[in-house]
């Protein structure tokens, strides 16, 4: 049996700056057979390690169905591991293990409308969902993307915005908390204000939500006031995960482990553990 805690070497194939503090790294396992076997689903994560700095969990942000022998992680530079990673270059190696965790309910969403609500770097775990739906546009209903960030400089994946907007039956709305003097022609305000421009209907709709916890709580309140059931709302939660396989207990969440039972949860399944005032 393979040791689930044993990492595998991977090489950095490409580095793309997303914002002033967030970077997308493209990886490939150094062993071609390992790379050929590697499979993941939208919402899952890898554990990335650097000797001398430790390990950290990062969601996969590329389309899992692309057959180009690589995969992406979009990473905000905020801690020891990420700062060390930011000093690496193309051709340097890291240790990776995974994928781990649950995925977004894309099979359940087939034939339904998909509402994606993201805040800040919360768009990163949802990018594979968007690529999956857009590549299979006739299998899903209307796709609505509501995305907000602190400032225009903090918006991720701007290179994708026009392509997403141009897709059939797809709508992308953006907002920022503040403009900081930058040119901005769209909404200013927190993410839930976008519901006024694109009022979501609960009928035949699945809502996928990721972002700061305070934002997700407000989104849940708004959605449920509009008639969404807890079983129609899915969240990706973030906790510090150290093992990825529910052994260390560091991400213990009530009677669940975020690394094993999440990071994607339906709100129905965690309603008693992650209560939201008023719903």
C-alpha atoms as a PDB file:
ATOM      1  CA  UNK A   1       0.000   0.000   0.000  1.00  0.00           C
ATOM      2  CA  UNK A   2       1.249   3.483  -0.848  1.00  0.00           C
ATOM      3  CA  UNK A   3       1.900   5.741   2.118  1.00  0.00           C
ATOM      4  CA  UNK A   4      -0.694   8.566   1.897  1.00  0.00           C
ATOM      5  CA  UNK A   5       1.697  10.880   3.758  1.00  0.00           C
ATOM      6  CA  UNK A   6       4.548  10.352   1.307  1.00  0.00           C
ATOM      7  CA  UNK A   7       4.921  13.329  -1.042  1.00  0.00           C
ATOM      8  CA  UNK A   8       5.905  13.124  -4.693  1.00  0.00           C
ATOM      9  CA  UNK A   9       8.282  15.547  -6.400  1.00  0.00           C
ATOM     10  CA  UNK A  10       6.763  18.041  -8.814  1.00  0.00           C
ATOM     11  CA  UNK A  11       8.364  20.725 -10.939  1.00  0.00           C
ATOM     12  CA  UNK A  12       7.191  24.278 -11.573  1.00  0.00           C
ATOM     13  CA  UNK A  13       6.388  24.611 -15.278  1.00  0.00           C
ATOM     14  CA  UNK A  14       5.011  28.162 -15.356  1.00  0.00           C
ATOM     15  CA  UNK A  15       4.469  31.131 -13.029  1.00  0.00           C
ATOM     16  CA  UNK A  16       1.780  33.750 -13.709  1.00  0.00           C
ATOM     17  CA  UNK A  17       1.128  36.803 -11.583  1.00  0.00           C
ATOM     18  CA  UNK A  18      -2.576  37.323 -10.832  1.00  0.00           C
ATOM     19  CA  UNK A  19      -2.355  40.315  -8.476  1.00  0.00           C
ATOM     20  CA  UNK A  20       0.322  42.061  -6.447  1.00  0.00           C
ATOM     21  CA  UNK A  21       0.207  39.262  -3.829  1.00  0.00           C
ATOM     22  CA  UNK A  22      -1.317  36.254  -5.636  1.00  0.00           C
ATOM     23  CA  UNK A  23       0.388  33.964  -8.138  1.00  0.00           C
ATOM     24  CA  UNK A  24      -0.684  30.962 -10.213  1.00  0.00           C
ATOM     25  CA  UNK A  25       1.874  28.158 -10.334  1.00  0.00           C
ATOM     26  CA  UNK A  26       1.609  25.421 -12.949  1.00  0.00           C
ATOM     27  CA  UNK A  27       3.048  22.080 -11.831  1.00  0.00           C
ATOM     28  CA  UNK A  28       3.744  18.661 -13.269  1.00  0.00           C
ATOM     29  CA  UNK A  29       4.945  15.582 -11.412  1.00  0.00           C
ATOM     30  CA  UNK A  30       8.513  14.726 -12.337  1.00  0.00           C
ATOM     31  CA  UNK A  31       7.546  11.085 -12.900  1.00  0.00           C
ATOM     32  CA  UNK A  32       5.610  10.914 -16.207  1.00  0.00           C
ATOM     33  CA  UNK A  33       3.736   7.808 -15.041  1.00  0.00           C
ATOM     34  CA  UNK A  34       2.733   9.571 -11.829  1.00  0.00           C
ATOM     35  CA  UNK A  35       1.462  12.534 -13.812  1.00  0.00           C
ATOM     36  CA  UNK A  36      -0.476  10.272 -16.178  1.00  0.00           C
ATOM     37  CA  UNK A  37      -2.226   8.609 -13.206  1.00  0.00           C
ATOM     38  CA  UNK A  38      -3.029  11.866 -11.434  1.00  0.00           C
ATOM     39  CA  UNK A  39      -6.734  12.810 -11.362  1.00  0.00           C
ATOM     40  CA  UNK A  40      -8.637  15.428  -9.348  1.00  0.00           C
ATOM     41  CA  UNK A  41     -12.090  16.981  -9.193  1.00  0.00           C
ATOM     42  CA  UNK A  42     -13.123  20.666  -8.892  1.00  0.00           C
ATOM     43  CA  UNK A  43     -12.906  21.663  -5.233  1.00  0.00           C
ATOM     44  CA  UNK A  44     -10.207  19.210  -4.159  1.00  0.00           C
ATOM     45  CA  UNK A  45      -6.797  20.249  -2.823  1.00  0.00           C
ATOM     46  CA  UNK A  46      -3.166  19.175  -2.624  1.00  0.00           C
ATOM     47  CA  UNK A  47      -0.684  19.454   0.232  1.00  0.00           C
ATOM     48  CA  UNK A  48       2.377  21.366  -0.997  1.00  0.00           C
ATOM     49  CA  UNK A  49       5.611  21.091   0.934  1.00  0.00           C
ATOM     50  CA  UNK A  50       9.002  22.781   0.916  1.00  0.00           C
ATOM     51  CA  UNK A  51      11.841  21.341   2.963  1.00  0.00           C
ATOM     52  CA  UNK A  52      12.645  23.567   5.924  1.00  0.00           C
ATOM     53  CA  UNK A  53       9.371  25.498   5.681  1.00  0.00           C
ATOM     54  CA  UNK A  54       6.599  22.924   6.052  1.00  0.00           C
ATOM     55  CA  UNK A  55       3.424  22.022   4.215  1.00  0.00           C
ATOM     56  CA  UNK A  56       0.209  23.857   3.389  1.00  0.00           C
ATOM     57  CA  UNK A  57      -3.058  22.968   1.671  1.00  0.00           C
ATOM     58  CA  UNK A  58      -3.910  24.612  -1.661  1.00  0.00           C
ATOM     59  CA  UNK A  59      -6.992  24.116  -3.808  1.00  0.00           C
ATOM     60  CA  UNK A  60      -6.495  23.119  -7.424  1.00  0.00           C
ATOM     61  CA  UNK A  61      -7.519  25.928  -9.768  1.00  0.00           C
ATOM     62  CA  UNK A  62      -7.088  24.489 -13.262  1.00  0.00           C
ATOM     63  CA  UNK A  63      -9.593  22.614 -15.391  1.00  0.00           C
ATOM     64  CA  UNK A  64      -9.198  18.959 -14.309  1.00  0.00           C
ATOM     65  CA  UNK A  65     -10.239  17.734 -17.742  1.00  0.00           C
ATOM     66  CA  UNK A  66      -7.395  19.397 -19.631  1.00  0.00           C
ATOM     67  CA  UNK A  67      -5.043  16.714 -20.906  1.00  0.00           C
ATOM     68  CA  UNK A  68      -1.869  18.794 -20.960  1.00  0.00           C
ATOM     69  CA  UNK A  69       0.008  16.995 -18.183  1.00  0.00           C
ATOM     70  CA  UNK A  70      -0.095  19.912 -15.738  1.00  0.00           C
ATOM     71  CA  UNK A  71      -2.242  21.362 -12.965  1.00  0.00           C
ATOM     72  CA  UNK A  72      -2.482  24.776 -11.302  1.00  0.00           C
ATOM     73  CA  UNK A  73      -2.515  26.220  -7.812  1.00  0.00           C
ATOM     74  CA  UNK A  74      -3.361  29.894  -7.343  1.00  0.00           C
ATOM     75  CA  UNK A  75      -1.649  30.998  -4.150  1.00  0.00           C
ATOM     76  CA  UNK A  76      -1.734  34.168  -2.093  1.00  0.00           C
ATOM     77  CA  UNK A  77       1.647  34.976  -0.534  1.00  0.00           C
ATOM     78  CA  UNK A  78       0.826  35.255   3.180  1.00  0.00           C
ATOM     79  CA  UNK A  79       2.790  32.690   5.238  1.00  0.00           C
ATOM     80  CA  UNK A  80       6.121  30.925   5.593  1.00  0.00           C
ATOM     81  CA  UNK A  81       5.452  28.277   2.953  1.00  0.00           C
ATOM     82  CA  UNK A  82       4.013  30.716   0.428  1.00  0.00           C
ATOM     83  CA  UNK A  83       6.803  33.254   0.955  1.00  0.00           C
ATOM     84  CA  UNK A  84       9.363  30.514   0.350  1.00  0.00           C
ATOM     85  CA  UNK A  85       7.429  29.404  -2.724  1.00  0.00           C
ATOM     86  CA  UNK A  86       7.474  32.959  -4.070  1.00  0.00           C
ATOM     87  CA  UNK A  87      11.266  32.772  -4.199  1.00  0.00           C
ATOM     88  CA  UNK A  88      11.256  29.788  -6.552  1.00  0.00           C
ATOM     89  CA  UNK A  89      11.425  29.903 -10.325  1.00  0.00           C
ATOM     90  CA  UNK A  90      10.395  27.764 -13.284  1.00  0.00           C
ATOM     91  CA  UNK A  91      12.243  24.455 -13.104  1.00  0.00           C
ATOM     92  CA  UNK A  92      12.434  24.369  -9.308  1.00  0.00           C
ATOM     93  CA  UNK A  93      10.871  21.440  -7.460  1.00  0.00           C
ATOM     94  CA  UNK A  94       8.391  21.086  -4.607  1.00  0.00           C
ATOM     95  CA  UNK A  95       6.792  18.131  -2.826  1.00  0.00           C
ATOM     96  CA  UNK A  96       3.109  17.433  -3.434  1.00  0.00           C
ATOM     97  CA  UNK A  97       0.605  14.898  -2.186  1.00  0.00           C
ATOM     98  CA  UNK A  98      -3.071  14.564  -2.911  1.00  0.00           C
ATOM     99  CA  UNK A  99      -5.614  15.165  -4.165  1.00  0.00           C
ATOM    100  CA  UNK A 100      -7.717  15.232  -1.015  1.00  0.00           C
ATOM    101  CA  UNK A 101     -11.188  16.255   0.016  1.00  0.00           C
ATOM    102  CA  UNK A 102     -14.640  16.551  -1.446  1.00  0.00           C
ATOM    103  CA  UNK A 103     -15.650  18.260  -4.670  1.00  0.00           C
ATOM    104  CA  UNK A 104     -18.321  20.659  -5.898  1.00  0.00           C
ATOM    105  CA  UNK A 105     -21.614  18.901  -6.824  1.00  0.00           C
ATOM    106  CA  UNK A 106     -21.300  19.192 -10.590  1.00  0.00           C
ATOM    107  CA  UNK A 107     -23.147  15.960 -11.298  1.00  0.00           C
ATOM    108  CA  UNK A 108     -26.054  17.040  -9.123  1.00  0.00           C
ATOM    109  CA  UNK A 109     -26.035  20.452 -10.829  1.00  0.00           C
ATOM    110  CA  UNK A 110     -26.467  19.013 -14.326  1.00  0.00           C
ATOM    111  CA  UNK A 111     -29.635  20.347 -15.920  1.00  0.00           C
ATOM    112  CA  UNK A 112     -29.905  23.082 -13.277  1.00  0.00           C
ATOM    113  CA  UNK A 113     -28.968  26.748 -13.106  1.00  0.00           C
ATOM    114  CA  UNK A 114     -25.617  27.386 -11.430  1.00  0.00           C
ATOM    115  CA  UNK A 115     -25.061  30.413  -9.207  1.00  0.00           C
ATOM    116  CA  UNK A 116     -21.415  31.041  -8.289  1.00  0.00           C
ATOM    117  CA  UNK A 117     -20.791  33.568  -5.496  1.00  0.00           C
ATOM    118  CA  UNK A 118     -17.164  34.334  -4.650  1.00  0.00           C
ATOM    119  CA  UNK A 119     -15.231  36.847  -2.601  1.00  0.00           C
ATOM    120  CA  UNK A 120     -11.514  37.609  -2.828  1.00  0.00           C
ATOM    121  CA  UNK A 121      -9.357  34.518  -3.313  1.00  0.00           C
ATOM    122  CA  UNK A 122     -12.550  32.459  -2.926  1.00  0.00           C
ATOM    123  CA  UNK A 123     -12.832  32.567  -6.709  1.00  0.00           C
ATOM    124  CA  UNK A 124      -9.804  30.264  -6.977  1.00  0.00           C
ATOM    125  CA  UNK A 125     -11.556  27.047  -5.782  1.00  0.00           C
ATOM    126  CA  UNK A 126     -14.491  27.897  -8.065  1.00  0.00           C
ATOM    127  CA  UNK A 127     -12.493  28.473 -11.247  1.00  0.00           C
ATOM    128  CA  UNK A 128     -12.474  24.725 -12.122  1.00  0.00           C
ATOM    129  CA  UNK A 129     -16.277  24.766 -11.762  1.00  0.00           C
ATOM    130  CA  UNK A 130     -16.566  27.594 -14.257  1.00  0.00           C
ATOM    131  CA  UNK A 131     -14.264  25.885 -16.734  1.00  0.00           C
ATOM    132  CA  UNK A 132     -16.159  22.617 -16.331  1.00  0.00           C
ATOM    133  CA  UNK A 133     -19.587  24.209 -16.902  1.00  0.00           C
ATOM    134  CA  UNK A 134     -18.432  26.382 -19.814  1.00  0.00           C
ATOM    135  CA  UNK A 135     -16.894  23.353 -21.548  1.00  0.00           C
ATOM    136  CA  UNK A 136     -20.243  21.535 -21.220  1.00  0.00           C
ATOM    137  CA  UNK A 137     -22.543  24.486 -21.686  1.00  0.00           C
ATOM    138  CA  UNK A 138     -25.522  22.487 -22.991  1.00  0.00           C
ATOM    139  CA  UNK A 139     -25.557  20.270 -19.877  1.00  0.00           C
ATOM    140  CA  UNK A 140     -26.324  23.109 -17.459  1.00  0.00           C
ATOM    141  CA  UNK A 141     -28.825  25.933 -17.214  1.00  0.00           C
ATOM    142  CA  UNK A 142     -28.002  29.622 -16.763  1.00  0.00           C
ATOM    143  CA  UNK A 143     -24.620  30.377 -15.215  1.00  0.00           C
ATOM    144  CA  UNK A 144     -24.436  33.471 -12.998  1.00  0.00           C
ATOM    145  CA  UNK A 145     -21.087  34.563 -11.537  1.00  0.00           C
ATOM    146  CA  UNK A 146     -21.087  37.136  -8.734  1.00  0.00           C
ATOM    147  CA  UNK A 147     -17.575  38.088  -7.684  1.00  0.00           C
ATOM    148  CA  UNK A 148     -16.199  40.739  -5.373  1.00  0.00           C
ATOM    149  CA  UNK A 149     -12.823  41.795  -4.002  1.00  0.00           C
ATOM    150  CA  UNK A 150     -11.443  44.501  -1.750  1.00  0.00           C
ATOM    151  CA  UNK A 151     -10.208  46.703  -4.601  1.00  0.00           C
ATOM    152  CA  UNK A 152      -9.845  46.408  -8.394  1.00  0.00           C
ATOM    153  CA  UNK A 153      -6.219  45.380  -7.819  1.00  0.00           C
ATOM    154  CA  UNK A 154      -7.385  42.319  -5.873  1.00  0.00           C
ATOM    155  CA  UNK A 155      -9.539  40.761  -8.606  1.00  0.00           C
ATOM    156  CA  UNK A 156      -8.316  37.328  -9.697  1.00  0.00           C
ATOM    157  CA  UNK A 157      -8.323  35.857 -13.205  1.00  0.00           C
ATOM    158  CA  UNK A 158      -9.118  39.113 -15.002  1.00  0.00           C
ATOM    159  CA  UNK A 159      -7.814  37.540 -18.212  1.00  0.00           C
ATOM    160  CA  UNK A 160     -10.799  35.151 -18.071  1.00  0.00           C
ATOM    161  CA  UNK A 161     -13.554  37.709 -17.484  1.00  0.00           C
ATOM    162  CA  UNK A 162     -14.351  38.492 -21.110  1.00  0.00           C
ATOM    163  CA  UNK A 163     -14.346  34.846 -22.131  1.00  0.00           C
ATOM    164  CA  UNK A 164     -16.691  33.966 -19.283  1.00  0.00           C
ATOM    165  CA  UNK A 165     -19.001  36.886 -20.068  1.00  0.00           C
ATOM    166  CA  UNK A 166     -19.163  35.969 -23.755  1.00  0.00           C
ATOM    167  CA  UNK A 167     -20.246  32.384 -23.069  1.00  0.00           C
ATOM    168  CA  UNK A 168     -23.884  31.512 -23.864  1.00  0.00           C
ATOM    169  CA  UNK A 169     -26.428  32.082 -21.089  1.00  0.00           C
ATOM    170  CA  UNK A 170     -23.698  33.340 -18.749  1.00  0.00           C
ATOM    171  CA  UNK A 171     -23.617  36.508 -16.692  1.00  0.00           C
ATOM    172  CA  UNK A 172     -20.647  37.928 -14.767  1.00  0.00           C
ATOM    173  CA  UNK A 173     -21.114  40.754 -12.254  1.00  0.00           C
ATOM    174  CA  UNK A 174     -18.266  42.339 -10.313  1.00  0.00           C
ATOM    175  CA  UNK A 175     -18.003  44.517  -7.236  1.00  0.00           C
ATOM    176  CA  UNK A 176     -15.248  45.940  -5.034  1.00  0.00           C
ATOM    177  CA  UNK A 177     -15.369  47.178  -1.455  1.00  0.00           C
ATOM    178  CA  UNK A 178     -13.543  50.353  -2.425  1.00  0.00           C
ATOM    179  CA  UNK A 179     -11.829  51.742  -5.524  1.00  0.00           C
ATOM    180  CA  UNK A 180      -8.733  53.278  -3.862  1.00  0.00           C
ATOM    181  CA  UNK A 181      -8.758  55.933  -6.578  1.00  0.00           C
ATOM    182  CA  UNK A 182      -8.578  53.449  -9.454  1.00  0.00           C
ATOM    183  CA  UNK A 183     -10.831  53.677 -12.490  1.00  0.00           C
ATOM    184  CA  UNK A 184     -13.837  51.449 -11.872  1.00  0.00           C
ATOM    185  CA  UNK A 185     -17.131  51.460 -13.759  1.00  0.00           C
ATOM    186  CA  UNK A 186     -18.899  48.616 -11.976  1.00  0.00           C
ATOM    187  CA  UNK A 187     -20.481  48.151  -8.552  1.00  0.00           C
ATOM    188  CA  UNK A 188     -18.934  49.318  -5.292  1.00  0.00           C
ATOM    189  CA  UNK A 189     -20.064  47.385  -2.241  1.00  0.00           C
ATOM    190  CA  UNK A 190     -19.941  43.964  -0.613  1.00  0.00           C
ATOM    191  CA  UNK A 191     -20.744  40.865  -2.664  1.00  0.00           C
ATOM    192  CA  UNK A 192     -24.415  40.469  -1.586  1.00  0.00           C
ATOM    193  CA  UNK A 193     -25.287  43.840  -3.179  1.00  0.00           C
ATOM    194  CA  UNK A 194     -24.964  42.071  -6.530  1.00  0.00           C
ATOM    195  CA  UNK A 195     -28.127  40.122  -5.716  1.00  0.00           C
ATOM    196  CA  UNK A 196     -30.051  43.318  -6.422  1.00  0.00           C
ATOM    197  CA  UNK A 197     -28.727  43.348  -9.992  1.00  0.00           C
ATOM    198  CA  UNK A 198     -29.183  39.630 -10.559  1.00  0.00           C
ATOM    199  CA  UNK A 199     -31.886  38.420  -8.139  1.00  0.00           C
ATOM    200  CA  UNK A 200     -31.293  34.666  -7.824  1.00  0.00           C
ATOM    201  CA  UNK A 201     -34.277  32.342  -8.074  1.00  0.00           C
ATOM    202  CA  UNK A 202     -34.152  29.105  -6.076  1.00  0.00           C
ATOM    203  CA  UNK A 203     -36.045  27.194  -8.744  1.00  0.00           C
ATOM    204  CA  UNK A 204     -33.816  24.478 -10.243  1.00  0.00           C
ATOM    205  CA  UNK A 205     -30.687  26.270  -8.971  1.00  0.00           C
ATOM    206  CA  UNK A 206     -27.541  25.196  -7.131  1.00  0.00           C
ATOM    207  CA  UNK A 207     -25.536  27.916  -5.339  1.00  0.00           C
ATOM    208  CA  UNK A 208     -21.772  27.477  -4.921  1.00  0.00           C
ATOM    209  CA  UNK A 209     -20.176  29.901  -2.456  1.00  0.00           C
ATOM    210  CA  UNK A 210     -16.585  30.573  -1.404  1.00  0.00           C
ATOM    211  CA  UNK A 211     -14.870  33.501   0.238  1.00  0.00           C
ATOM    212  CA  UNK A 212     -14.241  34.996   3.676  1.00  0.00           C
ATOM    213  CA  UNK A 213     -16.503  33.359   6.268  1.00  0.00           C
ATOM    214  CA  UNK A 214     -18.269  36.606   7.123  1.00  0.00           C
ATOM    215  CA  UNK A 215     -19.150  37.064   3.448  1.00  0.00           C
ATOM    216  CA  UNK A 216     -20.438  33.510   3.144  1.00  0.00           C
ATOM    217  CA  UNK A 217     -22.653  33.966   6.196  1.00  0.00           C
ATOM    218  CA  UNK A 218     -24.276  37.065   4.690  1.00  0.00           C
ATOM    219  CA  UNK A 219     -24.703  35.258   1.362  1.00  0.00           C
ATOM    220  CA  UNK A 220     -26.434  32.332   3.065  1.00  0.00           C
ATOM    221  CA  UNK A 221     -28.841  34.666   4.866  1.00  0.00           C
ATOM    222  CA  UNK A 222     -29.695  36.434   1.612  1.00  0.00           C
ATOM    223  CA  UNK A 223     -30.150  33.217  -0.365  1.00  0.00           C
ATOM    224  CA  UNK A 224     -32.386  31.596   2.239  1.00  0.00           C
ATOM    225  CA  UNK A 225     -34.506  34.731   2.512  1.00  0.00           C
ATOM    226  CA  UNK A 226     -34.993  34.386  -1.251  1.00  0.00           C
ATOM    227  CA  UNK A 227     -36.278  30.841  -0.876  1.00  0.00           C
ATOM    228  CA  UNK A 228     -33.145  28.724  -1.258  1.00  0.00           C
ATOM    229  CA  UNK A 229     -33.086  25.556   0.810  1.00  0.00           C
ATOM    230  CA  UNK A 230     -30.008  24.616   2.829  1.00  0.00           C
ATOM    231  CA  UNK A 231     -29.559  21.612   0.530  1.00  0.00           C
ATOM    232  CA  UNK A 232     -29.179  23.929  -2.497  1.00  0.00           C
ATOM    233  CA  UNK A 233     -26.242  25.866  -1.025  1.00  0.00           C
ATOM    234  CA  UNK A 234     -22.669  24.540  -1.087  1.00  0.00           C
ATOM    235  CA  UNK A 235     -19.660  26.114   0.615  1.00  0.00           C
ATOM    236  CA  UNK A 236     -15.927  25.600   0.595  1.00  0.00           C
ATOM    237  CA  UNK A 237     -14.538  26.097   4.094  1.00  0.00           C
ATOM    238  CA  UNK A 238     -10.969  26.919   4.978  1.00  0.00           C
ATOM    239  CA  UNK A 239      -9.177  25.541   8.014  1.00  0.00           C
ATOM    240  CA  UNK A 240      -5.476  24.993   8.596  1.00  0.00           C
ATOM    241  CA  UNK A 241      -4.923  21.432   7.393  1.00  0.00           C
ATOM    242  CA  UNK A 242      -1.687  19.690   8.288  1.00  0.00           C
ATOM    243  CA  UNK A 243      -2.117  16.047   7.272  1.00  0.00           C
ATOM    244  CA  UNK A 244      -4.917  16.083   4.671  1.00  0.00           C
ATOM    245  CA  UNK A 245      -6.204  12.648   5.714  1.00  0.00           C
ATOM    246  CA  UNK A 246      -8.028  13.252   9.044  1.00  0.00           C
ATOM    247  CA  UNK A 247      -5.222  11.933  11.261  1.00  0.00           C
ATOM    248  CA  UNK A 248      -3.872  15.016  13.039  1.00  0.00           C
ATOM    249  CA  UNK A 249      -7.201  16.554  14.085  1.00  0.00           C
ATOM    250  CA  UNK A 250      -5.985  20.054  13.335  1.00  0.00           C
ATOM    251  CA  UNK A 251      -8.953  20.838  11.062  1.00  0.00           C
ATOM    252  CA  UNK A 252     -11.546  19.198  13.331  1.00  0.00           C
ATOM    253  CA  UNK A 253     -14.900  20.881  12.749  1.00  0.00           C
ATOM    254  CA  UNK A 254     -17.601  19.717  15.147  1.00  0.00           C
ATOM    255  CA  UNK A 255     -17.723  15.990  14.425  1.00  0.00           C
ATOM    256  CA  UNK A 256     -16.246  16.454  10.931  1.00  0.00           C
ATOM    257  CA  UNK A 257     -12.800  16.985   9.455  1.00  0.00           C
ATOM    258  CA  UNK A 258     -12.501  19.697   6.816  1.00  0.00           C
ATOM    259  CA  UNK A 259      -9.748  17.773   5.016  1.00  0.00           C
ATOM    260  CA  UNK A 260     -11.771  14.560   4.752  1.00  0.00           C
ATOM    261  CA  UNK A 261     -15.448  15.573   4.922  1.00  0.00           C
ATOM    262  CA  UNK A 262     -14.838  18.876   3.118  1.00  0.00           C
ATOM    263  CA  UNK A 263     -13.607  21.336   2.129  1.00  0.00           C
ATOM    264  CA  UNK A 264     -16.857  21.427   0.108  1.00  0.00           C
ATOM    265  CA  UNK A 265     -19.966  21.006   2.269  1.00  0.00           C
ATOM    266  CA  UNK A 266     -23.638  21.479   1.629  1.00  0.00           C
ATOM    267  CA  UNK A 267     -25.019  23.976   4.121  1.00  0.00           C
ATOM    268  CA  UNK A 268     -27.617  21.378   5.077  1.00  0.00           C
ATOM    269  CA  UNK A 269     -24.863  19.062   6.326  1.00  0.00           C
ATOM    270  CA  UNK A 270     -23.125  21.642   8.519  1.00  0.00           C
ATOM    271  CA  UNK A 271     -26.048  23.804   9.560  1.00  0.00           C
ATOM    272  CA  UNK A 272     -25.759  22.670  13.169  1.00  0.00           C
ATOM    273  CA  UNK A 273     -21.994  23.175  13.218  1.00  0.00           C
ATOM    274  CA  UNK A 274     -21.669  26.443  11.313  1.00  0.00           C
ATOM    275  CA  UNK A 275     -24.795  28.321  12.320  1.00  0.00           C
ATOM    276  CA  UNK A 276     -25.793  31.554  10.631  1.00  0.00           C
ATOM    277  CA  UNK A 277     -27.883  33.988  12.642  1.00  0.00           C
ATOM    278  CA  UNK A 278     -31.410  34.286  11.341  1.00  0.00           C
ATOM    279  CA  UNK A 279     -31.539  31.137   9.157  1.00  0.00           C
END
